[in-house]
Amino acid sequence: MTEWIAVFGSTRIVAEKYDADSETIYVRFPNGVEWWYSACPPHLWEAFTAPGQSRGQFIHMTLNHKPNGRNA
């Protein structure tokens, strides 16, 4: 599993990471809650982390429609 990557300039999330083997995006919210989104091929991770991309909007418009849940 990859390490968490700090996210600066986002009010929605503070860190993110991607597991290419399971095609899962993980996000950490400011309150410390971690969430996973599966069925995310590499091109979706690239779109999510693209410069200038609003992480909050991407979660709302795209990732929330993927299988997801709270990271235990």
Foldseek 3Di string as FASTA:
>chain_A
DDDWDADPPAQFFGTWDADQVQLKIWTAGPVGWIKIAGPHHPVNVCQCPPPPDHVVVCCVPPRVVGDMDTDD
